[in-house]
Structures are given as structure tokens and as C-alpha cells.
């Protein structure tokens, strides 16, 4: 009798675990949109030119991790982004903020797009800074017949038309 009760308890626990969220190995694919992977900010009041660059920030790496709720089909994906910022050497410390985005999509279907602010500081005398940022988790429903790797988490900078033109001139933009 005790053995039967233990078996029922084990089966019940397995059924409960099957409906819970679990970490999965193959997540939505993290990617960086090449055309928006770099942003250059000019000194205020100056035209776009190499001599007028105040700083440049590049999005250099994107990694994801996720969980899938087997019962509801809800995917919760986290993203870890790495940026590098460069500037001309100066003795002054400086703090800047640039906008970047994270969007979740599958082919032409957009599930979400969020704009974030990347705040970073150059130490006194430093000409480079490395910044790691983990934006809020992205959640979306797994559609019937789809697998988590059918989706993509795409990141880049939210560029102005002038910044896009400057990237084109510097061959940082893919036609």
C-alpha cells in the first residue's frame, strides 16, 4: 500500500513538473542588426565629420537565455548585451546616454519592440569603456507548430536619420 502511494506521489510530482516553466537549451536566437550596431555622436553644433566625433559606441555581443512554460507555451527570454565605447583621449571623466532597442520577431511578424537607454561613463583619462547591459526579459506566446529557435531577439541602436547617413558614409551600413 505504501509503495502504491509513493508511486502515485511520484507520478503526480512528475505531472506538476511537466507543466512548470523549465530552462531550455535552444532559445530565441540573439542577433545584432548590422546597420544599427554602431552609433557615433558628434560634438554639439558641429557637422558630421570624423574630426567632430565626440564618441562612438558599438554593440559587439548578444547572448540569450530562456525558459519555456510547457503548459501555456509562454517563452520568457533574457538578453545580455555587451557594448564598447571609444572617444579621443582626454583627462576629463564623462557620462553619456544613447538609446538602443530590443525586438522579438519571427520573419515579418513583430511581437515586441522596446527602447532602452544605455548609460555609460568614461573614467578620467580613459578612451574606452566596456558596458554590459541586461534589458528587461521579453515574453511572448509560442505559436502552434513553432519552436523557440524560430524566433529572434534583435538588438541595435535607435539611430536618427543623420546617424544613419553618417554610418553609410563610414561604410557601417549595409544596403
C-alpha atoms as a PDB file:
ATOM      1  CA  UNK A   1       0.000   0.000   0.000  1.00  0.00           C
ATOM      2  CA  UNK A   2       2.818   2.385   0.885  1.00  0.00           C
ATOM      3  CA  UNK A   3       4.600   1.547  -2.393  1.00  0.00           C
ATOM      4  CA  UNK A   4       1.461   2.372  -4.386  1.00  0.00           C
ATOM      5  CA  UNK A   5       1.084   5.706  -2.561  1.00  0.00           C
ATOM      6  CA  UNK A   6       4.725   6.560  -3.267  1.00  0.00           C
ATOM      7  CA  UNK A   7       4.250   5.737  -6.975  1.00  0.00           C
ATOM      8  CA  UNK A   8       1.165   7.941  -7.151  1.00  0.00           C
ATOM      9  CA  UNK A   9       3.054  10.730  -5.410  1.00  0.00           C
ATOM     10  CA  UNK A  10       5.947  10.394  -7.865  1.00  0.00           C
ATOM     11  CA  UNK A  11       3.599  10.416 -10.885  1.00  0.00           C
ATOM     12  CA  UNK A  12       1.782  13.468  -9.500  1.00  0.00           C
ATOM     13  CA  UNK A  13       5.056  15.323  -8.952  1.00  0.00           C
ATOM     14  CA  UNK A  14       6.179  14.490 -12.497  1.00  0.00           C
ATOM     15  CA  UNK A  15       2.906  15.806 -13.944  1.00  0.00           C
ATOM     16  CA  UNK A  16       3.230  19.019 -11.953  1.00  0.00           C
ATOM     17  CA  UNK A  17       6.829  19.482 -13.071  1.00  0.00           C
ATOM     18  CA  UNK A  18       5.875  18.952 -16.714  1.00  0.00           C
ATOM     19  CA  UNK A  19       3.513  21.932 -16.560  1.00  0.00           C
ATOM     20  CA  UNK A  20       6.025  24.281 -14.959  1.00  0.00           C
ATOM     21  CA  UNK A  21       8.499  26.582 -16.604  1.00  0.00           C
ATOM     22  CA  UNK A  22      11.786  24.978 -17.430  1.00  0.00           C
ATOM     23  CA  UNK A  23      15.059  26.300 -18.747  1.00  0.00           C
ATOM     24  CA  UNK A  24      15.626  25.198 -22.330  1.00  0.00           C
ATOM     25  CA  UNK A  25      18.818  24.881 -24.345  1.00  0.00           C
ATOM     26  CA  UNK A  26      17.687  26.290 -27.684  1.00  0.00           C
ATOM     27  CA  UNK A  27      16.286  29.773 -27.120  1.00  0.00           C
ATOM     28  CA  UNK A  28      15.140  32.518 -29.468  1.00  0.00           C
ATOM     29  CA  UNK A  29      18.221  33.463 -31.465  1.00  0.00           C
ATOM     30  CA  UNK A  30      20.015  36.626 -30.249  1.00  0.00           C
ATOM     31  CA  UNK A  31      21.243  38.879 -33.060  1.00  0.00           C
ATOM     32  CA  UNK A  32      22.602  42.357 -33.698  1.00  0.00           C
ATOM     33  CA  UNK A  33      21.164  44.352 -36.597  1.00  0.00           C
ATOM     34  CA  UNK A  34      24.344  45.242 -38.518  1.00  0.00           C
ATOM     35  CA  UNK A  35      23.064  48.589 -39.806  1.00  0.00           C
ATOM     36  CA  UNK A  36      22.377  49.758 -36.252  1.00  0.00           C
ATOM     37  CA  UNK A  37      25.306  48.151 -34.415  1.00  0.00           C
ATOM     38  CA  UNK A  38      27.241  51.444 -34.210  1.00  0.00           C
ATOM     39  CA  UNK A  39      26.255  54.932 -33.131  1.00  0.00           C
ATOM     40  CA  UNK A  40      28.522  57.968 -33.383  1.00  0.00           C
ATOM     41  CA  UNK A  41      27.664  61.174 -31.557  1.00  0.00           C
ATOM     42  CA  UNK A  42      29.130  64.486 -32.748  1.00  0.00           C
ATOM     43  CA  UNK A  43      30.229  67.434 -30.651  1.00  0.00           C
ATOM     44  CA  UNK A  44      27.229  69.752 -30.201  1.00  0.00           C
ATOM     45  CA  UNK A  45      26.776  72.256 -33.002  1.00  0.00           C
ATOM     46  CA  UNK A  46      29.241  70.614 -35.398  1.00  0.00           C
ATOM     47  CA  UNK A  47      28.606  68.956 -38.758  1.00  0.00           C
ATOM     48  CA  UNK A  48      29.025  65.174 -39.122  1.00  0.00           C
ATOM     49  CA  UNK A  49      32.727  64.667 -39.718  1.00  0.00           C
ATOM     50  CA  UNK A  50      35.462  62.422 -38.338  1.00  0.00           C
ATOM     51  CA  UNK A  51      37.110  65.429 -36.658  1.00  0.00           C
ATOM     52  CA  UNK A  52      33.860  66.241 -34.814  1.00  0.00           C
ATOM     53  CA  UNK A  53      33.201  62.813 -33.281  1.00  0.00           C
ATOM     54  CA  UNK A  54      32.577  63.050 -29.551  1.00  0.00           C
ATOM     55  CA  UNK A  55      32.293  59.282 -29.016  1.00  0.00           C
ATOM     56  CA  UNK A  56      31.304  56.053 -30.761  1.00  0.00           C
ATOM     57  CA  UNK A  57      29.516  53.093 -29.214  1.00  0.00           C
ATOM     58  CA  UNK A  58      29.350  49.606 -30.736  1.00  0.00           C
ATOM     59  CA  UNK A  59      27.097  46.719 -29.813  1.00  0.00           C
ATOM     60  CA  UNK A  60      29.541  43.806 -30.024  1.00  0.00           C
ATOM     61  CA  UNK A  61      27.813  40.793 -28.452  1.00  0.00           C
ATOM     62  CA  UNK A  62      24.346  39.440 -27.684  1.00  0.00           C
ATOM     63  CA  UNK A  63      23.631  36.280 -25.680  1.00  0.00           C
ATOM     64  CA  UNK A  64      20.291  34.885 -24.578  1.00  0.00           C
ATOM     65  CA  UNK A  65      18.851  32.544 -22.018  1.00  0.00           C
ATOM     66  CA  UNK A  66      15.227  31.483 -21.688  1.00  0.00           C
ATOM     67  CA  UNK A  67      12.528  29.441 -20.073  1.00  0.00           C
ATOM     68  CA  UNK A  68       9.505  27.852 -21.689  1.00  0.00           C
ATOM     69  CA  UNK A  69       6.278  27.164 -19.840  1.00  0.00           C
ATOM     70  CA  UNK A  70       5.294  23.821 -21.362  1.00  0.00           C
ATOM     71  CA  UNK A  71       1.653  24.173 -20.355  1.00  0.00           C
ATOM     72  CA  UNK A  72       0.960  27.699 -21.640  1.00  0.00           C
ATOM     73  CA  UNK A  73       3.628  27.938 -24.364  1.00  0.00           C
ATOM     74  CA  UNK A  74       4.913  31.219 -22.906  1.00  0.00           C
ATOM     75  CA  UNK A  75       8.577  31.961 -23.632  1.00  0.00           C
ATOM     76  CA  UNK A  76      10.499  34.269 -21.295  1.00  0.00           C
ATOM     77  CA  UNK A  77      13.841  35.247 -22.820  1.00  0.00           C
ATOM     78  CA  UNK A  78      16.598  37.272 -21.226  1.00  0.00           C
ATOM     79  CA  UNK A  79      19.317  39.028 -23.166  1.00  0.00           C
ATOM     80  CA  UNK A  80      22.844  40.015 -22.149  1.00  0.00           C
ATOM     81  CA  UNK A  81      24.381  42.708 -24.354  1.00  0.00           C
ATOM     82  CA  UNK A  82      27.982  43.926 -24.478  1.00  0.00           C
ATOM     83  CA  UNK A  83      28.900  47.372 -25.780  1.00  0.00           C
ATOM     84  CA  UNK A  84      32.220  49.160 -26.274  1.00  0.00           C
ATOM     85  CA  UNK A  85      32.536  52.924 -26.310  1.00  0.00           C
ATOM     86  CA  UNK A  86      35.510  54.902 -27.612  1.00  0.00           C
ATOM     87  CA  UNK A  87      36.491  58.558 -27.605  1.00  0.00           C
ATOM     88  CA  UNK A  88      39.560  60.681 -28.101  1.00  0.00           C
ATOM     89  CA  UNK A  89      41.825  60.662 -25.021  1.00  0.00           C
ATOM     90  CA  UNK A  90      41.003  63.373 -22.508  1.00  0.00           C
ATOM     91  CA  UNK A  91      41.702  63.947 -18.824  1.00  0.00           C
ATOM     92  CA  UNK A  92      38.031  64.531 -18.052  1.00  0.00           C
ATOM     93  CA  UNK A  93      35.531  61.904 -16.959  1.00  0.00           C
ATOM     94  CA  UNK A  94      32.295  61.938 -18.941  1.00  0.00           C
ATOM     95  CA  UNK A  95      28.917  60.201 -18.746  1.00  0.00           C
ATOM     96  CA  UNK A  96      26.675  59.733 -21.771  1.00  0.00           C
ATOM     97  CA  UNK A  97      23.405  58.029 -22.662  1.00  0.00           C
ATOM     98  CA  UNK A  98      22.365  56.522 -26.005  1.00  0.00           C
ATOM     99  CA  UNK A  99      19.109  54.768 -26.950  1.00  0.00           C
ATOM    100  CA  UNK A 100      19.041  51.148 -28.076  1.00  0.00           C
ATOM    101  CA  UNK A 101      16.256  48.711 -28.893  1.00  0.00           C
ATOM    102  CA  UNK A 102      15.410  45.064 -28.416  1.00  0.00           C
ATOM    103  CA  UNK A 103      12.716  43.471 -30.522  1.00  0.00           C
ATOM    104  CA  UNK A 104      11.289  39.977 -30.743  1.00  0.00           C
ATOM    105  CA  UNK A 105      10.192  38.755 -34.157  1.00  0.00           C
ATOM    106  CA  UNK A 106       9.590  35.733 -36.327  1.00  0.00           C
ATOM    107  CA  UNK A 107      10.061  36.502 -40.023  1.00  0.00           C
ATOM    108  CA  UNK A 108       7.919  39.596 -40.714  1.00  0.00           C
ATOM    109  CA  UNK A 109       5.841  39.288 -37.529  1.00  0.00           C
ATOM    110  CA  UNK A 110       6.918  41.688 -34.780  1.00  0.00           C
ATOM    111  CA  UNK A 111       5.976  40.602 -31.246  1.00  0.00           C
ATOM    112  CA  UNK A 112       7.508  43.438 -29.260  1.00  0.00           C
ATOM    113  CA  UNK A 113       9.943  46.332 -29.507  1.00  0.00           C
ATOM    114  CA  UNK A 114      11.292  48.206 -26.529  1.00  0.00           C
ATOM    115  CA  UNK A 115      13.581  51.210 -26.384  1.00  0.00           C
ATOM    116  CA  UNK A 116      16.144  51.375 -23.568  1.00  0.00           C
ATOM    117  CA  UNK A 117      18.776  53.890 -22.512  1.00  0.00           C
ATOM    118  CA  UNK A 118      22.406  52.794 -22.265  1.00  0.00           C
ATOM    119  CA  UNK A 119      24.167  54.983 -19.711  1.00  0.00           C
ATOM    120  CA  UNK A 120      27.943  54.710 -19.522  1.00  0.00           C
ATOM    121  CA  UNK A 121      30.923  56.598 -18.131  1.00  0.00           C
ATOM    122  CA  UNK A 122      34.436  57.186 -19.366  1.00  0.00           C
ATOM    123  CA  UNK A 123      36.858  57.336 -16.435  1.00  0.00           C
ATOM    124  CA  UNK A 124      39.288  60.284 -16.308  1.00  0.00           C
ATOM    125  CA  UNK A 125      41.941  59.706 -18.985  1.00  0.00           C
ATOM    126  CA  UNK A 126      40.150  56.666 -20.435  1.00  0.00           C
ATOM    127  CA  UNK A 127      39.428  56.473 -24.141  1.00  0.00           C
ATOM    128  CA  UNK A 128      37.446  53.207 -23.974  1.00  0.00           C
ATOM    129  CA  UNK A 129      34.684  51.737 -21.855  1.00  0.00           C
ATOM    130  CA  UNK A 130      33.056  48.320 -21.912  1.00  0.00           C
ATOM    131  CA  UNK A 131      29.438  48.151 -20.824  1.00  0.00           C
ATOM    132  CA  UNK A 132      27.285  45.103 -20.098  1.00  0.00           C
ATOM    133  CA  UNK A 133      23.537  45.559 -20.080  1.00  0.00           C
ATOM    134  CA  UNK A 134      20.688  43.123 -19.431  1.00  0.00           C
ATOM    135  CA  UNK A 135      17.412  44.674 -20.580  1.00  0.00           C
ATOM    136  CA  UNK A 136      14.062  43.503 -19.222  1.00  0.00           C
ATOM    137  CA  UNK A 137      13.021  39.973 -20.146  1.00  0.00           C
ATOM    138  CA  UNK A 138      10.993  39.577 -23.325  1.00  0.00           C
ATOM    139  CA  UNK A 139       7.875  37.413 -23.159  1.00  0.00           C
ATOM    140  CA  UNK A 140       5.767  36.081 -25.984  1.00  0.00           C
ATOM    141  CA  UNK A 141       3.497  33.184 -26.816  1.00  0.00           C
ATOM    142  CA  UNK A 142       4.913  30.234 -28.735  1.00  0.00           C
ATOM    143  CA  UNK A 143       2.639  29.767 -31.750  1.00  0.00           C
ATOM    144  CA  UNK A 144       1.360  26.353 -32.798  1.00  0.00           C
ATOM    145  CA  UNK A 145       3.918  24.424 -34.820  1.00  0.00           C
ATOM    146  CA  UNK A 146       6.754  26.798 -33.888  1.00  0.00           C
ATOM    147  CA  UNK A 147       9.812  26.135 -31.781  1.00  0.00           C
ATOM    148  CA  UNK A 148      11.698  28.706 -29.654  1.00  0.00           C
ATOM    149  CA  UNK A 149      14.548  28.880 -32.195  1.00  0.00           C
ATOM    150  CA  UNK A 150      12.092  30.063 -34.884  1.00  0.00           C
ATOM    151  CA  UNK A 151      12.108  33.454 -33.143  1.00  0.00           C
ATOM    152  CA  UNK A 152      14.823  36.089 -32.936  1.00  0.00           C
ATOM    153  CA  UNK A 153      15.762  38.741 -30.373  1.00  0.00           C
ATOM    154  CA  UNK A 154      17.221  41.576 -32.434  1.00  0.00           C
ATOM    155  CA  UNK A 155      19.183  44.474 -30.903  1.00  0.00           C
ATOM    156  CA  UNK A 156      20.704  47.713 -32.152  1.00  0.00           C
ATOM    157  CA  UNK A 157      20.884  51.444 -31.582  1.00  0.00           C
ATOM    158  CA  UNK A 158      17.877  53.678 -32.165  1.00  0.00           C
ATOM    159  CA  UNK A 159      19.510  55.933 -34.776  1.00  0.00           C
ATOM    160  CA  UNK A 160      18.457  59.318 -36.122  1.00  0.00           C
ATOM    161  CA  UNK A 161      18.380  59.834 -39.914  1.00  0.00           C
ATOM    162  CA  UNK A 162      21.639  61.827 -39.603  1.00  0.00           C
ATOM    163  CA  UNK A 163      23.346  58.972 -37.751  1.00  0.00           C
ATOM    164  CA  UNK A 164      22.213  56.509 -40.423  1.00  0.00           C
ATOM    165  CA  UNK A 165      23.695  58.751 -43.123  1.00  0.00           C
ATOM    166  CA  UNK A 166      26.958  59.027 -41.196  1.00  0.00           C
ATOM    167  CA  UNK A 167      27.120  55.241 -40.826  1.00  0.00           C
ATOM    168  CA  UNK A 168      26.600  54.922 -44.609  1.00  0.00           C
ATOM    169  CA  UNK A 169      29.496  57.324 -45.263  1.00  0.00           C
ATOM    170  CA  UNK A 170      31.761  55.354 -42.921  1.00  0.00           C
ATOM    171  CA  UNK A 171      30.706  52.046 -44.537  1.00  0.00           C
ATOM    172  CA  UNK A 172      28.913  50.904 -41.375  1.00  0.00           C
ATOM    173  CA  UNK A 173      25.630  50.492 -43.172  1.00  0.00           C
ATOM    174  CA  UNK A 174      24.664  47.554 -45.358  1.00  0.00           C
ATOM    175  CA  UNK A 175      22.442  48.453 -48.333  1.00  0.00           C
END
